[in-house]
Amino acid sequence: MMPLSEYEQRVLDQLEHDLGQDASLHRAMNRGPKTPARIVAGAAGVVIGLGVVVLGVATQLPVLGVFGFLIMAGVAMWALLTPKQDKKGASPAAKPASGPQAPKQRKDFMQTFEERFDRRRESGDL
């Protein structure tokens, strides 16, 4: 593997630092698995919203159809995009991105990324 130049290394370090400070990326990467209750509630909400849309079409009330669509979209977003809560009940976004664990997490991520890249290159996938 060819080593990075000084400039490329500085740019990479700056990118890693900037990504570590991005709160929205931090929230997106720390979303946990969806609970079955949230999935069932989301599916039920989408079905109810779809029923309201069909009712709006049957009664020829466009406002009711739009309202049903908003119900479907809102419930689906609630079910799929709510970030995981930590043990204390605060969302991960409340924690600062920097701290004693941030450099270690970044290092672990980069090591894992480099190992995967090396394995793919050695197996001929790249």
C-alpha atoms as a PDB file:
ATOM      1  CA  MET A   1       0.000   0.000   0.000  1.00  0.00           C
ATOM      2  CA  MET A   2       1.312   3.419  -0.934  1.00  0.00           C
ATOM      3  CA  PRO A   3       1.728   5.804   2.029  1.00  0.00           C
ATOM      4  CA  LEU A   4      -0.145   9.087   2.087  1.00  0.00           C
ATOM      5  CA  SER A   5       1.657  12.355   1.457  1.00  0.00           C
ATOM      6  CA  GLU A   6       1.819  14.945   4.231  1.00  0.00           C
ATOM      7  CA  TYR A   7      -0.936  16.958   2.596  1.00  0.00           C
ATOM      8  CA  GLU A   8      -3.207  13.931   2.194  1.00  0.00           C
ATOM      9  CA  GLN A   9      -2.611  12.908   5.806  1.00  0.00           C
ATOM     10  CA  ARG A  10      -3.508  16.417   7.034  1.00  0.00           C
ATOM     11  CA  VAL A  11      -6.675  16.424   4.913  1.00  0.00           C
ATOM     12  CA  LEU A  12      -7.639  12.969   6.216  1.00  0.00           C
ATOM     13  CA  ASP A  13      -7.040  14.054   9.824  1.00  0.00           C
ATOM     14  CA  GLN A  14      -9.147  17.169   9.272  1.00  0.00           C
ATOM     15  CA  LEU A  15     -11.972  15.101   7.744  1.00  0.00           C
ATOM     16  CA  GLU A  16     -11.898  12.667  10.670  1.00  0.00           C
ATOM     17  CA  HIS A  17     -11.994  15.578  13.120  1.00  0.00           C
ATOM     18  CA  ASP A  18     -14.893  17.259  11.299  1.00  0.00           C
ATOM     19  CA  LEU A  19     -16.874  14.003  11.126  1.00  0.00           C
ATOM     20  CA  GLY A  20     -16.311  13.477  14.854  1.00  0.00           C
ATOM     21  CA  GLN A  21     -17.872  16.879  15.565  1.00  0.00           C
ATOM     22  CA  ASP A  22     -20.978  16.356  13.394  1.00  0.00           C
ATOM     23  CA  ALA A  23     -23.889  15.829  15.815  1.00  0.00           C
ATOM     24  CA  SER A  24     -26.383  14.713  13.161  1.00  0.00           C
ATOM     25  CA  LEU A  25     -23.976  12.064  11.879  1.00  0.00           C
ATOM     26  CA  HIS A  26     -23.380  10.959  15.468  1.00  0.00           C
ATOM     27  CA  ARG A  27     -27.125  10.530  16.014  1.00  0.00           C
ATOM     28  CA  ALA A  28     -27.547   8.643  12.749  1.00  0.00           C
ATOM     29  CA  MET A  29     -24.696   6.266  13.476  1.00  0.00           C
ATOM     30  CA  ASN A  30     -25.880   5.556  17.026  1.00  0.00           C
ATOM     31  CA  ARG A  31     -29.428   4.527  16.251  1.00  0.00           C
ATOM     32  CA  GLY A  32     -30.165   1.229  17.836  1.00  0.00           C
ATOM     33  CA  PRO A  33     -32.247  -1.646  16.617  1.00  0.00           C
ATOM     34  CA  LYS A  34     -35.939  -0.992  16.352  1.00  0.00           C
ATOM     35  CA  THR A  35     -38.043  -2.584  19.061  1.00  0.00           C
ATOM     36  CA  PRO A  36     -40.858  -4.901  17.984  1.00  0.00           C
ATOM     37  CA  ALA A  37     -43.389  -2.647  19.707  1.00  0.00           C
ATOM     38  CA  ARG A  38     -42.231   0.358  17.669  1.00  0.00           C
ATOM     39  CA  ILE A  39     -42.403  -1.639  14.432  1.00  0.00           C
ATOM     40  CA  VAL A  40     -45.916  -2.924  15.201  1.00  0.00           C
ATOM     41  CA  ALA A  41     -47.117   0.553  16.210  1.00  0.00           C
ATOM     42  CA  GLY A  42     -45.611   2.009  13.023  1.00  0.00           C
ATOM     43  CA  ALA A  43     -47.256  -0.629  10.832  1.00  0.00           C
ATOM     44  CA  ALA A  44     -50.600  -0.065  12.546  1.00  0.00           C
ATOM     45  CA  GLY A  45     -50.274   3.694  12.069  1.00  0.00           C
ATOM     46  CA  VAL A  46     -49.477   3.270   8.377  1.00  0.00           C
ATOM     47  CA  VAL A  47     -52.511   1.007   7.930  1.00  0.00           C
ATOM     48  CA  ILE A  48     -54.735   3.546   9.700  1.00  0.00           C
ATOM     49  CA  GLY A  49     -53.309   6.355   7.545  1.00  0.00           C
ATOM     50  CA  LEU A  50     -53.909   4.301   4.419  1.00  0.00           C
ATOM     51  CA  GLY A  51     -57.497   3.742   5.553  1.00  0.00           C
ATOM     52  CA  VAL A  52     -57.937   7.495   5.938  1.00  0.00           C
ATOM     53  CA  VAL A  53     -56.516   8.006   2.426  1.00  0.00           C
ATOM     54  CA  VAL A  54     -58.943   5.445   0.979  1.00  0.00           C
ATOM     55  CA  LEU A  55     -61.802   7.072   2.900  1.00  0.00           C
ATOM     56  CA  GLY A  56     -60.776  10.454   1.458  1.00  0.00           C
ATOM     57  CA  VAL A  57     -60.790   9.032  -2.075  1.00  0.00           C
ATOM     58  CA  ALA A  58     -64.145   7.290  -1.543  1.00  0.00           C
ATOM     59  CA  THR A  59     -65.787  10.446  -0.196  1.00  0.00           C
ATOM     60  CA  GLN A  60     -63.970  12.656  -2.743  1.00  0.00           C
ATOM     61  CA  LEU A  61     -62.488  14.839  -0.013  1.00  0.00           C
ATOM     62  CA  PRO A  62     -58.880  15.650  -0.987  1.00  0.00           C
ATOM     63  CA  VAL A  63     -58.216  17.171   2.437  1.00  0.00           C
ATOM     64  CA  LEU A  64     -58.975  13.840   4.085  1.00  0.00           C
ATOM     65  CA  GLY A  65     -56.635  12.052   1.650  1.00  0.00           C
ATOM     66  CA  VAL A  66     -53.815  14.501   2.390  1.00  0.00           C
ATOM     67  CA  PHE A  67     -54.438  14.106   6.117  1.00  0.00           C
ATOM     68  CA  GLY A  68     -54.220  10.318   5.768  1.00  0.00           C
ATOM     69  CA  PHE A  69     -50.961  10.607   3.865  1.00  0.00           C
ATOM     70  CA  LEU A  70     -49.535  12.868   6.572  1.00  0.00           C
ATOM     71  CA  ILE A  71     -50.545  10.295   9.186  1.00  0.00           C
ATOM     72  CA  MET A  72     -48.799   7.524   7.222  1.00  0.00           C
ATOM     73  CA  ALA A  73     -45.621   9.532   6.655  1.00  0.00           C
ATOM     74  CA  GLY A  74     -45.452  10.829  10.230  1.00  0.00           C
ATOM     75  CA  VAL A  75     -45.954   7.446  11.853  1.00  0.00           C
ATOM     76  CA  ALA A  76     -43.445   5.781   9.521  1.00  0.00           C
ATOM     77  CA  MET A  77     -40.838   8.427  10.295  1.00  0.00           C
ATOM     78  CA  TRP A  78     -41.522   8.100  14.013  1.00  0.00           C
ATOM     79  CA  ALA A  79     -41.139   4.323  13.855  1.00  0.00           C
ATOM     80  CA  LEU A  80     -37.988   4.287  11.752  1.00  0.00           C
ATOM     81  CA  LEU A  81     -36.025   7.425  12.603  1.00  0.00           C
ATOM     82  CA  THR A  82     -36.258   7.857  16.374  1.00  0.00           C
ATOM     83  CA  PRO A  83     -32.743   7.660  17.855  1.00  0.00           C
ATOM     84  CA  LYS A  84     -31.938   5.076  20.488  1.00  0.00           C
ATOM     85  CA  GLN A  85     -32.086   6.256  24.095  1.00  0.00           C
ATOM     86  CA  ASP A  86     -29.147   5.530  26.361  1.00  0.00           C
ATOM     87  CA  LYS A  87     -29.509   4.059  29.857  1.00  0.00           C
ATOM     88  CA  LYS A  88     -30.011   7.451  31.513  1.00  0.00           C
ATOM     89  CA  GLY A  89     -32.847   8.398  29.145  1.00  0.00           C
ATOM     90  CA  ALA A  90     -30.986  11.135  27.294  1.00  0.00           C
ATOM     91  CA  SER A  91     -30.487  10.874  23.560  1.00  0.00           C
ATOM     92  CA  PRO A  92     -26.963  10.293  22.246  1.00  0.00           C
ATOM     93  CA  ALA A  93     -26.987  13.769  20.714  1.00  0.00           C
ATOM     94  CA  ALA A  94     -26.944  15.259  24.222  1.00  0.00           C
ATOM     95  CA  LYS A  95     -23.454  13.892  24.757  1.00  0.00           C
ATOM     96  CA  PRO A  96     -20.606  15.897  23.288  1.00  0.00           C
ATOM     97  CA  ALA A  97     -18.816  14.259  20.363  1.00  0.00           C
ATOM     98  CA  SER A  98     -15.440  14.990  21.879  1.00  0.00           C
ATOM     99  CA  GLY A  99     -14.274  13.478  25.101  1.00  0.00           C
ATOM    100  CA  PRO A 100     -12.048  10.775  26.441  1.00  0.00           C
ATOM    101  CA  GLN A 101     -13.617   8.061  24.268  1.00  0.00           C
ATOM    102  CA  ALA A 102     -13.892   9.957  20.967  1.00  0.00           C
ATOM    103  CA  PRO A 103     -10.266   9.473  19.781  1.00  0.00           C
ATOM    104  CA  LYS A 104     -10.327   5.782  20.714  1.00  0.00           C
ATOM    105  CA  GLN A 105     -13.597   5.242  18.836  1.00  0.00           C
ATOM    106  CA  ARG A 106     -12.181   6.990  15.785  1.00  0.00           C
ATOM    107  CA  LYS A 107      -9.011   4.919  15.983  1.00  0.00           C
ATOM    108  CA  ASP A 108     -10.985   1.696  16.266  1.00  0.00           C
ATOM    109  CA  PHE A 109     -13.111   2.711  13.285  1.00  0.00           C
ATOM    110  CA  MET A 110     -10.078   3.517  11.157  1.00  0.00           C
ATOM    111  CA  GLN A 111      -8.306   0.294  12.140  1.00  0.00           C
ATOM    112  CA  THR A 112     -11.379  -1.745  11.246  1.00  0.00           C
ATOM    113  CA  PHE A 113     -11.781   0.144   7.987  1.00  0.00           C
ATOM    114  CA  GLU A 114      -8.112  -0.396   7.039  1.00  0.00           C
ATOM    115  CA  GLU A 115      -8.277  -4.091   7.926  1.00  0.00           C
ATOM    116  CA  ARG A 116     -11.351  -4.589   5.750  1.00  0.00           C
ATOM    117  CA  PHE A 117      -9.724  -2.699   2.894  1.00  0.00           C
ATOM    118  CA  ASP A 118      -6.575  -4.826   3.153  1.00  0.00           C
ATOM    119  CA  ARG A 119      -8.614  -8.058   3.189  1.00  0.00           C
ATOM    120  CA  ARG A 120     -10.565  -7.013   0.109  1.00  0.00           C
ATOM    121  CA  ARG A 121      -7.405  -5.999  -1.723  1.00  0.00           C
ATOM    122  CA  GLU A 122      -5.669  -9.287  -0.847  1.00  0.00           C
ATOM    123  CA  SER A 123      -8.659 -11.349  -1.972  1.00  0.00           C
ATOM    124  CA  GLY A 124      -8.794  -9.465  -5.284  1.00  0.00           C
ATOM    125  CA  ASP A 125     -12.159  -7.780  -4.738  1.00  0.00           C
ATOM    126  CA  LEU A 126     -10.712  -4.339  -5.493  1.00  0.00           C
END
